[in-house]
């Protein structure tokens, strides 16, 4: 990767692509960068929507995060389930919302489809 195209990718995102017991990601660096940029953009784009949902619907932050995760997994999904969970965790981080309940709950299952 060239110096002007370097991106500071968090370990939490890279870990999504490393299978248990392995150290090498299952996808290439360029593909991982593309996936990371997509997920980071989604988290940032959802900040205003999530804050508005919480205010207008009068629901808890945790419920907003759960709804956002389900929305990310709705067909046609552009992210995989692990990526959707990462996006909502990043969203919670950006909004300074608690995510302890979210992290304790199992991730929703979505059909595994190839991501292009």
PDB file of N, CA and C in Angstrom:
ATOM      1  N   UNK A   1       0.852  -1.169   0.000  1.00  0.00           N
ATOM      2  CA  UNK A   1       0.000   0.000   0.000  1.00  0.00           C
ATOM      3  C   UNK A   1       0.892   1.223   0.000  1.00  0.00           C
ATOM      4  N   UNK A   2       0.557   2.242  -0.822  1.00  0.00           N
ATOM      5  CA  UNK A   2       1.379   3.435  -0.900  1.00  0.00           C
ATOM      6  C   UNK A   2       1.187   4.286   0.353  1.00  0.00           C
ATOM      7  N   UNK A   3       2.174   5.143   0.624  1.00  0.00           N
ATOM      8  CA  UNK A   3       2.129   5.951   1.839  1.00  0.00           C
ATOM      9  C   UNK A   3       0.918   6.875   1.863  1.00  0.00           C
ATOM     10  N   UNK A   4       0.538   7.457   0.697  1.00  0.00           N
ATOM     11  CA  UNK A   4      -0.582   8.384   0.683  1.00  0.00           C
ATOM     12  C   UNK A   4      -1.930   7.668   0.769  1.00  0.00           C
ATOM     13  N   UNK A   5      -1.937   6.342   0.759  1.00  0.00           N
ATOM     14  CA  UNK A   5      -3.184   5.591   0.844  1.00  0.00           C
ATOM     15  C   UNK A   5      -3.280   4.806   2.153  1.00  0.00           C
ATOM     16  N   UNK A   6      -2.451   5.157   3.120  1.00  0.00           N
ATOM     17  CA  UNK A   6      -2.497   4.443   4.393  1.00  0.00           C
ATOM     18  C   UNK A   6      -3.663   4.927   5.224  1.00  0.00           C
ATOM     19  N   UNK A   7      -4.251   4.003   5.945  1.00  0.00           N
ATOM     20  CA  UNK A   7      -5.395   4.312   6.781  1.00  0.00           C
ATOM     21  C   UNK A   7      -5.165   3.661   8.140  1.00  0.00           C
ATOM     22  N   UNK A   8      -5.551   4.357   9.183  1.00  0.00           N
ATOM     23  CA  UNK A   8      -5.380   3.837  10.531  1.00  0.00           C
ATOM     24  C   UNK A   8      -6.619   3.017  10.884  1.00  0.00           C
ATOM     25  N   UNK A   9      -6.535   1.724  10.644  1.00  0.00           N
ATOM     26  CA  UNK A   9      -7.657   0.827  10.868  1.00  0.00           C
ATOM     27  C   UNK A   9      -7.573   0.242  12.283  1.00  0.00           C
ATOM     28  N   UNK A  10      -8.673   0.325  13.044  1.00  0.00           N
ATOM     29  CA  UNK A  10      -8.630  -0.217  14.404  1.00  0.00           C
ATOM     30  C   UNK A  10      -8.511  -1.738  14.419  1.00  0.00           C
ATOM     31  N   UNK A  11      -7.847  -2.227  15.443  1.00  0.00           N
ATOM     32  CA  UNK A  11      -7.677  -3.673  15.593  1.00  0.00           C
ATOM     33  C   UNK A  11      -9.017  -4.379  15.720  1.00  0.00           C
ATOM     34  N   UNK A  12      -9.996  -3.709  16.320  1.00  0.00           N
ATOM     35  CA  UNK A  12     -11.314  -4.324  16.484  1.00  0.00           C
ATOM     36  C   UNK A  12     -11.939  -4.652  15.125  1.00  0.00           C
ATOM     37  N   UNK A  13     -11.660  -3.834  14.127  1.00  0.00           N
ATOM     38  CA  UNK A  13     -12.195  -4.114  12.796  1.00  0.00           C
ATOM     39  C   UNK A  13     -11.398  -5.231  12.121  1.00  0.00           C
ATOM     40  N   UNK A  14     -10.079  -5.156  12.206  1.00  0.00           N
ATOM     41  CA  UNK A  14      -9.241  -6.192  11.590  1.00  0.00           C
ATOM     42  C   UNK A  14      -9.561  -7.564  12.165  1.00  0.00           C
ATOM     43  N   UNK A  15      -9.904  -7.610  13.441  1.00  0.00           N
ATOM     44  CA  UNK A  15     -10.202  -8.884  14.108  1.00  0.00           C
ATOM     45  C   UNK A  15     -11.426  -9.582  13.502  1.00  0.00           C
ATOM     46  N   UNK A  16     -12.296  -8.828  12.842  1.00  0.00           N
ATOM     47  CA  UNK A  16     -13.470  -9.427  12.209  1.00  0.00           C
ATOM     48  C   UNK A  16     -13.088 -10.436  11.127  1.00  0.00           C
ATOM     49  N   UNK A  17     -11.905 -10.277  10.574  1.00  0.00           N
ATOM     50  CA  UNK A  17     -11.481 -11.098   9.443  1.00  0.00           C
ATOM     51  C   UNK A  17     -10.409 -12.124   9.784  1.00  0.00           C
ATOM     52  N   UNK A  18     -10.098 -12.252  11.052  1.00  0.00           N
ATOM     53  CA  UNK A  18      -9.111 -13.245  11.475  1.00  0.00           C
ATOM     54  C   UNK A  18      -9.860 -14.386  12.154  1.00  0.00           C
ATOM     55  N   UNK A  19      -9.772 -15.557  11.579  1.00  0.00           N
ATOM     56  CA  UNK A  19     -10.463 -16.716  12.139  1.00  0.00           C
ATOM     57  C   UNK A  19      -9.770 -17.155  13.425  1.00  0.00           C
ATOM     58  N   UNK A  20     -10.542 -17.721  14.373  1.00  0.00           N
ATOM     59  CA  UNK A  20      -9.951 -18.173  15.634  1.00  0.00           C
ATOM     60  C   UNK A  20      -8.771 -19.121  15.387  1.00  0.00           C
ATOM     61  N   UNK A  21      -7.700 -18.892  16.096  1.00  0.00           N
ATOM     62  CA  UNK A  21      -6.511 -19.711  15.973  1.00  0.00           C
ATOM     63  C   UNK A  21      -5.591 -19.298  14.834  1.00  0.00           C
ATOM     64  N   UNK A  22      -5.987 -18.298  14.074  1.00  0.00           N
ATOM     65  CA  UNK A  22      -5.186 -17.812  12.941  1.00  0.00           C
ATOM     66  C   UNK A  22      -4.663 -16.421  13.256  1.00  0.00           C
ATOM     67  N   UNK A  23      -3.658 -15.995  12.499  1.00  0.00           N
ATOM     68  CA  UNK A  23      -3.148 -14.640  12.676  1.00  0.00           C
ATOM     69  C   UNK A  23      -3.296 -13.805  11.409  1.00  0.00           C
ATOM     70  N   UNK A  24      -3.528 -14.476  10.284  1.00  0.00           N
ATOM     71  CA  UNK A  24      -3.651 -13.776   9.010  1.00  0.00           C
ATOM     72  C   UNK A  24      -5.123 -13.592   8.658  1.00  0.00           C
ATOM     73  N   UNK A  25      -5.514 -12.368   8.258  1.00  0.00           N
ATOM     74  CA  UNK A  25      -6.906 -12.135   7.859  1.00  0.00           C
ATOM     75  C   UNK A  25      -7.284 -12.985   6.647  1.00  0.00           C
ATOM     76  N   UNK A  26      -8.578 -13.307   6.549  1.00  0.00           N
ATOM     77  CA  UNK A  26      -9.046 -14.144   5.450  1.00  0.00           C
ATOM     78  C   UNK A  26      -9.297 -13.358   4.160  1.00  0.00           C
ATOM     79  N   UNK A  27      -9.187 -12.028   4.228  1.00  0.00           N
ATOM     80  CA  UNK A  27      -9.293 -11.208   3.020  1.00  0.00           C
ATOM     81  C   UNK A  27      -8.039 -10.360   2.902  1.00  0.00           C
ATOM     82  N   UNK A  28      -7.789  -9.852   1.717  1.00  0.00           N
ATOM     83  CA  UNK A  28      -6.606  -9.040   1.470  1.00  0.00           C
ATOM     84  C   UNK A  28      -6.696  -7.649   2.081  1.00  0.00           C
ATOM     85  N   UNK A  29      -5.556  -6.990   2.166  1.00  0.00           N
ATOM     86  CA  UNK A  29      -5.472  -5.666   2.779  1.00  0.00           C
ATOM     87  C   UNK A  29      -6.342  -4.643   2.050  1.00  0.00           C
ATOM     88  N   UNK A  30      -6.299  -4.628   0.729  1.00  0.00           N
ATOM     89  CA  UNK A  30      -7.099  -3.648  -0.020  1.00  0.00           C
ATOM     90  C   UNK A  30      -8.594  -3.859   0.206  1.00  0.00           C
ATOM     91  N   UNK A  31      -9.026  -5.107   0.204  1.00  0.00           N
ATOM     92  CA  UNK A  31     -10.435  -5.407   0.446  1.00  0.00           C
ATOM     93  C   UNK A  31     -10.820  -5.001   1.871  1.00  0.00           C
ATOM     94  N   UNK A  32      -9.934  -5.254   2.827  1.00  0.00           N
ATOM     95  CA  UNK A  32     -10.223  -4.893   4.212  1.00  0.00           C
ATOM     96  C   UNK A  32     -10.337  -3.379   4.355  1.00  0.00           C
ATOM     97  N   UNK A  33      -9.489  -2.637   3.687  1.00  0.00           N
ATOM     98  CA  UNK A  33      -9.563  -1.180   3.735  1.00  0.00           C
ATOM     99  C   UNK A  33     -10.900  -0.708   3.167  1.00  0.00           C
ATOM    100  N   UNK A  34     -11.328  -1.292   2.060  1.00  0.00           N
ATOM    101  CA  UNK A  34     -12.621  -0.927   1.467  1.00  0.00           C
ATOM    102  C   UNK A  34     -13.764  -1.224   2.433  1.00  0.00           C
ATOM    103  N   UNK A  35     -13.724  -2.401   3.061  1.00  0.00           N
ATOM    104  CA  UNK A  35     -14.771  -2.782   4.005  1.00  0.00           C
ATOM    105  C   UNK A  35     -14.771  -1.839   5.210  1.00  0.00           C
ATOM    106  N   UNK A  36     -13.577  -1.506   5.708  1.00  0.00           N
ATOM    107  CA  UNK A  36     -13.472  -0.600   6.842  1.00  0.00           C
ATOM    108  C   UNK A  36     -14.035   0.779   6.498  1.00  0.00           C
ATOM    109  N   UNK A  37     -13.654   1.308   5.350  1.00  0.00           N
ATOM    110  CA  UNK A  37     -14.147   2.627   4.950  1.00  0.00           C
ATOM    111  C   UNK A  37     -15.668   2.629   4.831  1.00  0.00           C
ATOM    112  N   UNK A  38     -16.239   1.565   4.283  1.00  0.00           N
ATOM    113  CA  UNK A  38     -17.693   1.446   4.186  1.00  0.00           C
ATOM    114  C   UNK A  38     -18.321   1.455   5.575  1.00  0.00           C
ATOM    115  N   UNK A  39     -17.804   0.630   6.469  1.00  0.00           N
ATOM    116  CA  UNK A  39     -18.366   0.516   7.815  1.00  0.00           C
ATOM    117  C   UNK A  39     -18.208   1.808   8.612  1.00  0.00           C
ATOM    118  N   UNK A  40     -17.058   2.445   8.504  1.00  0.00           N
ATOM    119  CA  UNK A  40     -16.831   3.714   9.210  1.00  0.00           C
ATOM    120  C   UNK A  40     -17.768   4.786   8.662  1.00  0.00           C
ATOM    121  N   UNK A  41     -17.937   4.825   7.346  1.00  0.00           N
ATOM    122  CA  UNK A  41     -18.872   5.787   6.748  1.00  0.00           C
ATOM    123  C   UNK A  41     -20.301   5.537   7.219  1.00  0.00           C
ATOM    124  N   UNK A  42     -20.710   4.266   7.268  1.00  0.00           N
ATOM    125  CA  UNK A  42     -22.057   3.937   7.742  1.00  0.00           C
ATOM    126  C   UNK A  42     -22.269   4.415   9.177  1.00  0.00           C
ATOM    127  N   UNK A  43     -21.292   4.168  10.029  1.00  0.00           N
ATOM    128  CA  UNK A  43     -21.406   4.593  11.432  1.00  0.00           C
ATOM    129  C   UNK A  43     -21.557   6.107  11.524  1.00  0.00           C
ATOM    130  N   UNK A  44     -20.765   6.826  10.754  1.00  0.00           N
ATOM    131  CA  UNK A  44     -20.844   8.284  10.785  1.00  0.00           C
ATOM    132  C   UNK A  44     -22.159   8.790  10.204  1.00  0.00           C
ATOM    133  N   UNK A  45     -22.623   8.162   9.127  1.00  0.00           N
ATOM    134  CA  UNK A  45     -23.889   8.563   8.523  1.00  0.00           C
ATOM    135  C   UNK A  45     -25.083   8.296   9.439  1.00  0.00           C
ATOM    136  N   UNK A  46     -24.985   7.280  10.268  1.00  0.00           N
ATOM    137  CA  UNK A  46     -26.086   6.909  11.148  1.00  0.00           C
ATOM    138  C   UNK A  46     -26.179   7.757  12.412  1.00  0.00           C
ATOM    139  N   UNK A  47     -25.179   8.565  12.704  1.00  0.00           N
ATOM    140  CA  UNK A  47     -25.199   9.314  13.963  1.00  0.00           C
ATOM    141  C   UNK A  47     -26.410  10.231  14.067  1.00  0.00           C
ATOM    142  N   UNK A  48     -26.668  11.018  13.041  1.00  0.00           N
ATOM    143  CA  UNK A  48     -27.812  11.933  13.085  1.00  0.00           C
ATOM    144  C   UNK A  48     -29.130  11.161  13.110  1.00  0.00           C
ATOM    145  N   UNK A  49     -29.235  10.135  12.280  1.00  0.00           N
ATOM    146  CA  UNK A  49     -30.456   9.317  12.224  1.00  0.00           C
ATOM    147  C   UNK A  49     -30.733   8.682  13.590  1.00  0.00           C
ATOM    148  N   UNK A  50     -29.697   8.116  14.199  1.00  0.00           N
ATOM    149  CA  UNK A  50     -29.865   7.448  15.498  1.00  0.00           C
ATOM    150  C   UNK A  50     -30.284   8.448  16.581  1.00  0.00           C
ATOM    151  N   UNK A  51     -29.648   9.589  16.613  1.00  0.00           N
ATOM    152  CA  UNK A  51     -30.002  10.605  17.611  1.00  0.00           C
ATOM    153  C   UNK A  51     -31.440  11.066  17.411  1.00  0.00           C
ATOM    154  N   UNK A  52     -31.845  11.237  16.162  1.00  0.00           N
ATOM    155  CA  UNK A  52     -33.229  11.642  15.874  1.00  0.00           C
ATOM    156  C   UNK A  52     -34.219  10.548  16.272  1.00  0.00           C
ATOM    157  N   UNK A  53     -33.867   9.286  16.014  1.00  0.00           N
ATOM    158  CA  UNK A  53     -34.739   8.178  16.413  1.00  0.00           C
ATOM    159  C   UNK A  53     -34.969   8.182  17.915  1.00  0.00           C
ATOM    160  N   UNK A  54     -33.897   8.349  18.649  1.00  0.00           N
ATOM    161  CA  UNK A  54     -34.003   8.320  20.107  1.00  0.00           C
ATOM    162  C   UNK A  54     -34.863   9.466  20.609  1.00  0.00           C
ATOM    163  N   UNK A  55     -34.696  10.634  20.022  1.00  0.00           N
ATOM    164  CA  UNK A  55     -35.453  11.810  20.455  1.00  0.00           C
ATOM    165  C   UNK A  55     -36.921  11.728  20.040  1.00  0.00           C
ATOM    166  N   UNK A  56     -37.171  11.437  18.778  1.00  0.00           N
ATOM    167  CA  UNK A  56     -38.554  11.476  18.279  1.00  0.00           C
ATOM    168  C   UNK A  56     -39.392  10.290  18.757  1.00  0.00           C
ATOM    169  N   UNK A  57     -38.770   9.115  18.868  1.00  0.00           N
ATOM    170  CA  UNK A  57     -39.511   7.934  19.299  1.00  0.00           C
ATOM    171  C   UNK A  57     -39.516   7.762  20.812  1.00  0.00           C
ATOM    172  N   UNK A  58     -38.620   8.476  21.490  1.00  0.00           N
ATOM    173  CA  UNK A  58     -38.554   8.373  22.947  1.00  0.00           C
ATOM    174  C   UNK A  58     -38.127   6.995  23.416  1.00  0.00           C
ATOM    175  N   UNK A  59     -37.226   6.353  22.671  1.00  0.00           N
ATOM    176  CA  UNK A  59     -36.761   5.015  23.043  1.00  0.00           C
ATOM    177  C   UNK A  59     -35.332   5.098  23.581  1.00  0.00           C
ATOM    178  N   UNK A  60     -34.907   4.029  24.205  1.00  0.00           N
ATOM    179  CA  UNK A  60     -33.568   4.020  24.804  1.00  0.00           C
ATOM    180  C   UNK A  60     -32.489   3.970  23.727  1.00  0.00           C
ATOM    181  N   UNK A  61     -31.314   4.374  24.124  1.00  0.00           N
ATOM    182  CA  UNK A  61     -30.160   4.325  23.222  1.00  0.00           C
ATOM    183  C   UNK A  61     -29.889   2.893  22.781  1.00  0.00           C
ATOM    184  N   UNK A  62     -30.012   1.948  23.713  1.00  0.00           N
ATOM    185  CA  UNK A  62     -29.768   0.541  23.384  1.00  0.00           C
ATOM    186  C   UNK A  62     -30.756   0.044  22.330  1.00  0.00           C
ATOM    187  N   UNK A  63     -32.012   0.449  22.449  1.00  0.00           N
ATOM    188  CA  UNK A  63     -33.012   0.036  21.472  1.00  0.00           C
ATOM    189  C   UNK A  63     -32.728   0.650  20.099  1.00  0.00           C
ATOM    190  N   UNK A  64     -32.281   1.886  20.086  1.00  0.00           N
ATOM    191  CA  UNK A  64     -31.899   2.522  18.817  1.00  0.00           C
ATOM    192  C   UNK A  64     -30.772   1.729  18.167  1.00  0.00           C
ATOM    193  N   UNK A  65     -29.771   1.348  18.946  1.00  0.00           N
ATOM    194  CA  UNK A  65     -28.641   0.590  18.408  1.00  0.00           C
ATOM    195  C   UNK A  65     -29.099  -0.761  17.859  1.00  0.00           C
ATOM    196  N   UNK A  66     -30.005  -1.418  18.581  1.00  0.00           N
ATOM    197  CA  UNK A  66     -30.527  -2.705  18.106  1.00  0.00           C
ATOM    198  C   UNK A  66     -31.277  -2.527  16.790  1.00  0.00           C
ATOM    199  N   UNK A  67     -32.075  -1.480  16.691  1.00  0.00           N
ATOM    200  CA  UNK A  67     -32.825  -1.225  15.467  1.00  0.00           C
ATOM    201  C   UNK A  67     -31.892  -0.904  14.304  1.00  0.00           C
ATOM    202  N   UNK A  68     -30.848  -0.158  14.574  1.00  0.00           N
ATOM    203  CA  UNK A  68     -29.868   0.154  13.529  1.00  0.00           C
ATOM    204  C   UNK A  68     -29.177  -1.117  13.041  1.00  0.00           C
ATOM    205  N   UNK A  69     -28.846  -2.005  13.966  1.00  0.00           N
ATOM    206  CA  UNK A  69     -28.191  -3.259  13.584  1.00  0.00           C
ATOM    207  C   UNK A  69     -29.118  -4.095  12.708  1.00  0.00           C
ATOM    208  N   UNK A  70     -30.376  -4.195  13.096  1.00  0.00           N
ATOM    209  CA  UNK A  70     -31.340  -4.941  12.282  1.00  0.00           C
ATOM    210  C   UNK A  70     -31.508  -4.303  10.909  1.00  0.00           C
ATOM    211  N   UNK A  71     -31.508  -2.986  10.865  1.00  0.00           N
ATOM    212  CA  UNK A  71     -31.614  -2.285   9.591  1.00  0.00           C
ATOM    213  C   UNK A  71     -30.420  -2.546   8.682  1.00  0.00           C
ATOM    214  N   UNK A  72     -29.246  -2.616   9.273  1.00  0.00           N
ATOM    215  CA  UNK A  72     -28.043  -2.901   8.480  1.00  0.00           C
ATOM    216  C   UNK A  72     -28.068  -4.306   7.888  1.00  0.00           C
ATOM    217  N   UNK A  73     -28.782  -5.210   8.542  1.00  0.00           N
ATOM    218  CA  UNK A  73     -28.841  -6.594   8.087  1.00  0.00           C
ATOM    219  C   UNK A  73     -30.021  -6.880   7.166  1.00  0.00           C
ATOM    220  N   UNK A  74     -30.912  -5.904   6.999  1.00  0.00           N
ATOM    221  CA  UNK A  74     -32.069  -6.095   6.129  1.00  0.00           C
ATOM    222  C   UNK A  74     -31.604  -6.240   4.678  1.00  0.00           C
ATOM    223  N   UNK A  75     -32.289  -7.072   3.949  1.00  0.00           N
ATOM    224  CA  UNK A  75     -31.952  -7.281   2.541  1.00  0.00           C
ATOM    225  C   UNK A  75     -32.339  -6.073   1.707  1.00  0.00           C
ATOM    226  N   UNK A  76     -31.545  -5.657   0.797  1.00  0.00           N
ATOM    227  CA  UNK A  76     -30.240  -6.218   0.465  1.00  0.00           C
ATOM    228  C   UNK A  76     -29.159  -5.647   1.384  1.00  0.00           C
ATOM    229  N   UNK A  77     -28.594  -6.495   2.205  1.00  0.00           N
ATOM    230  CA  UNK A  77     -27.565  -6.088   3.162  1.00  0.00           C
ATOM    231  C   UNK A  77     -26.261  -5.784   2.435  1.00  0.00           C
ATOM    232  N   UNK A  78     -25.616  -4.712   2.840  1.00  0.00           N
ATOM    233  CA  UNK A  78     -24.320  -4.368   2.253  1.00  0.00           C
ATOM    234  C   UNK A  78     -23.173  -4.716   3.193  1.00  0.00           C
ATOM    235  N   UNK A  79     -23.526  -5.132   4.413  1.00  0.00           N
ATOM    236  CA  UNK A  79     -22.508  -5.548   5.380  1.00  0.00           C
ATOM    237  C   UNK A  79     -22.859  -6.925   5.921  1.00  0.00           C
ATOM    238  N   UNK A  80     -21.853  -7.621   6.376  1.00  0.00           N
ATOM    239  CA  UNK A  80     -22.037  -8.921   7.012  1.00  0.00           C
ATOM    240  C   UNK A  80     -22.448  -8.720   8.476  1.00  0.00           C
ATOM    241  N   UNK A  81     -23.000  -9.741   9.121  1.00  0.00           N
ATOM    242  CA  UNK A  81     -23.431  -9.583  10.513  1.00  0.00           C
ATOM    243  C   UNK A  81     -22.347  -9.058  11.456  1.00  0.00           C
ATOM    244  N   UNK A  82     -21.135  -9.567  11.350  1.00  0.00           N
ATOM    245  CA  UNK A  82     -20.048  -9.077  12.216  1.00  0.00           C
ATOM    246  C   UNK A  82     -19.740  -7.607  11.937  1.00  0.00           C
ATOM    247  N   UNK A  83     -19.816  -7.228  10.671  1.00  0.00           N
ATOM    248  CA  UNK A  83     -19.572  -5.827  10.321  1.00  0.00           C
ATOM    249  C   UNK A  83     -20.701  -4.943  10.860  1.00  0.00           C
ATOM    250  N   UNK A  84     -21.941  -5.427  10.782  1.00  0.00           N
ATOM    251  CA  UNK A  84     -23.077  -4.659  11.298  1.00  0.00           C
ATOM    252  C   UNK A  84     -22.903  -4.407  12.793  1.00  0.00           C
ATOM    253  N   UNK A  85     -22.476  -5.425  13.520  1.00  0.00           N
ATOM    254  CA  UNK A  85     -22.251  -5.257  14.964  1.00  0.00           C
ATOM    255  C   UNK A  85     -21.147  -4.235  15.199  1.00  0.00           C
ATOM    256  N   UNK A  86     -20.073  -4.293  14.401  1.00  0.00           N
ATOM    257  CA  UNK A  86     -18.986  -3.325  14.546  1.00  0.00           C
ATOM    258  C   UNK A  86     -19.501  -1.915  14.268  1.00  0.00           C
ATOM    259  N   UNK A  87     -20.323  -1.759  13.237  1.00  0.00           N
ATOM    260  CA  UNK A  87     -20.861  -0.443  12.886  1.00  0.00           C
ATOM    261  C   UNK A  87     -21.663   0.140  14.044  1.00  0.00           C
ATOM    262  N   UNK A  88     -22.541  -0.653  14.656  1.00  0.00           N
ATOM    263  CA  UNK A  88     -23.353  -0.102  15.744  1.00  0.00           C
ATOM    264  C   UNK A  88     -22.512   0.159  17.000  1.00  0.00           C
ATOM    265  N   UNK A  89     -21.491  -0.632  17.214  1.00  0.00           N
ATOM    266  CA  UNK A  89     -20.579  -0.336  18.333  1.00  0.00           C
ATOM    267  C   UNK A  89     -19.837   0.974  18.069  1.00  0.00           C
ATOM    268  N   UNK A  90     -19.419   1.164  16.842  1.00  0.00           N
ATOM    269  CA  UNK A  90     -18.749   2.423  16.475  1.00  0.00           C
ATOM    270  C   UNK A  90     -19.729   3.586  16.585  1.00  0.00           C
ATOM    271  N   UNK A  91     -20.970   3.368  16.174  1.00  0.00           N
ATOM    272  CA  UNK A  91     -22.010   4.378  16.296  1.00  0.00           C
ATOM    273  C   UNK A  91     -22.189   4.774  17.768  1.00  0.00           C
ATOM    274  N   UNK A  92     -22.271   3.794  18.636  1.00  0.00           N
ATOM    275  CA  UNK A  92     -22.399   4.062  20.076  1.00  0.00           C
ATOM    276  C   UNK A  92     -21.200   4.870  20.574  1.00  0.00           C
ATOM    277  N   UNK A  93     -20.030   4.508  20.094  1.00  0.00           N
ATOM    278  CA  UNK A  93     -18.822   5.231  20.487  1.00  0.00           C
ATOM    279  C   UNK A  93     -18.880   6.684  20.023  1.00  0.00           C
ATOM    280  N   UNK A  94     -19.303   6.911  18.789  1.00  0.00           N
ATOM    281  CA  UNK A  94     -19.390   8.267  18.254  1.00  0.00           C
ATOM    282  C   UNK A  94     -20.402   9.123  19.010  1.00  0.00           C
ATOM    283  N   UNK A  95     -21.491   8.501  19.476  1.00  0.00           N
ATOM    284  CA  UNK A  95     -22.539   9.225  20.190  1.00  0.00           C
ATOM    285  C   UNK A  95     -22.340   9.223  21.708  1.00  0.00           C
ATOM    286  N   UNK A  96     -21.292   8.561  22.177  1.00  0.00           N
ATOM    287  CA  UNK A  96     -21.053   8.408  23.619  1.00  0.00           C
ATOM    288  C   UNK A  96     -22.222   7.724  24.309  1.00  0.00           C
ATOM    289  N   UNK A  97     -22.761   6.710  23.654  1.00  0.00           N
ATOM    290  CA  UNK A  97     -23.863   5.926  24.202  1.00  0.00           C
ATOM    291  C   UNK A  97     -23.307   4.633  24.788  1.00  0.00           C
ATOM    292  N   UNK A  98     -23.948   4.112  25.833  1.00  0.00           N
ATOM    293  CA  UNK A  98     -23.509   2.824  26.382  1.00  0.00           C
ATOM    294  C   UNK A  98     -23.800   1.694  25.400  1.00  0.00           C
ATOM    295  N   UNK A  99     -22.918   0.727  25.388  1.00  0.00           N
ATOM    296  CA  UNK A  99     -23.137  -0.416  24.500  1.00  0.00           C
ATOM    297  C   UNK A  99     -22.979  -1.739  25.219  1.00  0.00           C
ATOM    298  N   UNK A 100     -22.982  -1.712  26.551  1.00  0.00           N
ATOM    299  CA  UNK A 100     -22.759  -2.942  27.311  1.00  0.00           C
ATOM    300  C   UNK A 100     -23.832  -3.988  27.037  1.00  0.00           C
ATOM    301  N   UNK A 101     -25.107  -3.583  26.985  1.00  0.00           N
ATOM    302  CA  UNK A 101     -26.173  -4.547  26.688  1.00  0.00           C
ATOM    303  C   UNK A 101     -26.024  -5.106  25.285  1.00  0.00           C
ATOM    304  N   UNK A 102     -25.666  -4.251  24.350  1.00  0.00           N
ATOM    305  CA  UNK A 102     -25.486  -4.680  22.964  1.00  0.00           C
ATOM    306  C   UNK A 102     -24.383  -5.730  22.867  1.00  0.00           C
ATOM    307  N   UNK A 103     -23.281  -5.502  23.548  1.00  0.00           N
ATOM    308  CA  UNK A 103     -22.158  -6.437  23.484  1.00  0.00           C
ATOM    309  C   UNK A 103     -22.472  -7.765  24.159  1.00  0.00           C
ATOM    310  N   UNK A 104     -23.403  -7.754  25.102  1.00  0.00           N
ATOM    311  CA  UNK A 104     -23.769  -8.992  25.787  1.00  0.00           C
ATOM    312  C   UNK A 104     -24.804  -9.801  25.018  1.00  0.00           C
ATOM    313  N   UNK A 105     -25.496  -9.162  24.103  1.00  0.00           N
ATOM    314  CA  UNK A 105     -26.530  -9.880  23.355  1.00  0.00           C
ATOM    315  C   UNK A 105     -25.917 -10.533  22.116  1.00  0.00           C
ATOM    316  N   UNK A 106     -26.472 -11.670  21.708  1.00  0.00           N
ATOM    317  CA  UNK A 106     -25.956 -12.312  20.496  1.00  0.00           C
ATOM    318  C   UNK A 106     -26.295 -11.468  19.274  1.00  0.00           C
ATOM    319  N   UNK A 107     -25.384 -11.475  18.318  1.00  0.00           N
ATOM    320  CA  UNK A 107     -25.621 -10.730  17.083  1.00  0.00           C
ATOM    321  C   UNK A 107     -26.752 -11.369  16.309  1.00  0.00           C
ATOM    322  N   UNK A 108     -27.616 -10.557  15.708  1.00  0.00           N
ATOM    323  CA  UNK A 108     -28.683 -11.127  14.880  1.00  0.00           C
ATOM    324  C   UNK A 108     -28.088 -11.902  13.718  1.00  0.00           C
ATOM    325  N   UNK A 109     -28.774 -12.941  13.336  1.00  0.00           N
ATOM    326  CA  UNK A 109     -28.304 -13.746  12.202  1.00  0.00           C
ATOM    327  C   UNK A 109     -28.897 -13.194  10.919  1.00  0.00           C
ATOM    328  N   UNK A 110     -28.085 -13.153   9.913  1.00  0.00           N
ATOM    329  CA  UNK A 110     -28.538 -12.725   8.599  1.00  0.00           C
ATOM    330  C   UNK A 110     -28.045 -13.753   7.600  1.00  0.00           C
ATOM    331  N   UNK A 111     -28.733 -13.879   6.495  1.00  0.00           N
ATOM    332  CA  UNK A 111     -28.247 -14.830   5.497  1.00  0.00           C
ATOM    333  C   UNK A 111     -26.864 -14.427   5.026  1.00  0.00           C
ATOM    334  N   UNK A 112     -25.996 -15.392   4.878  1.00  0.00           N
ATOM    335  CA  UNK A 112     -24.651 -15.130   4.398  1.00  0.00           C
ATOM    336  C   UNK A 112     -24.717 -15.006   2.882  1.00  0.00           C
ATOM    337  N   UNK A 113     -24.443 -13.804   2.428  1.00  0.00           N
ATOM    338  CA  UNK A 113     -24.403 -13.548   0.996  1.00  0.00           C
ATOM    339  C   UNK A 113     -23.076 -12.937   0.666  1.00  0.00           C
ATOM    340  N   UNK A 114     -22.575 -13.171  -0.528  1.00  0.00           N
ATOM    341  CA  UNK A 114     -21.303 -12.570  -0.893  1.00  0.00           C
ATOM    342  C   UNK A 114     -21.407 -11.047  -0.890  1.00  0.00           C
ATOM    343  N   UNK A 115     -20.396 -10.379  -0.370  1.00  0.00           N
ATOM    344  CA  UNK A 115     -20.356  -8.941  -0.357  1.00  0.00           C
ATOM    345  C   UNK A 115     -19.493  -8.504  -1.519  1.00  0.00           C
ATOM    346  N   UNK A 116     -20.041  -7.643  -2.368  1.00  0.00           N
ATOM    347  CA  UNK A 116     -19.289  -7.167  -3.527  1.00  0.00           C
ATOM    348  C   UNK A 116     -18.879  -5.738  -3.360  1.00  0.00           C
TER     349      UNK A 116
END
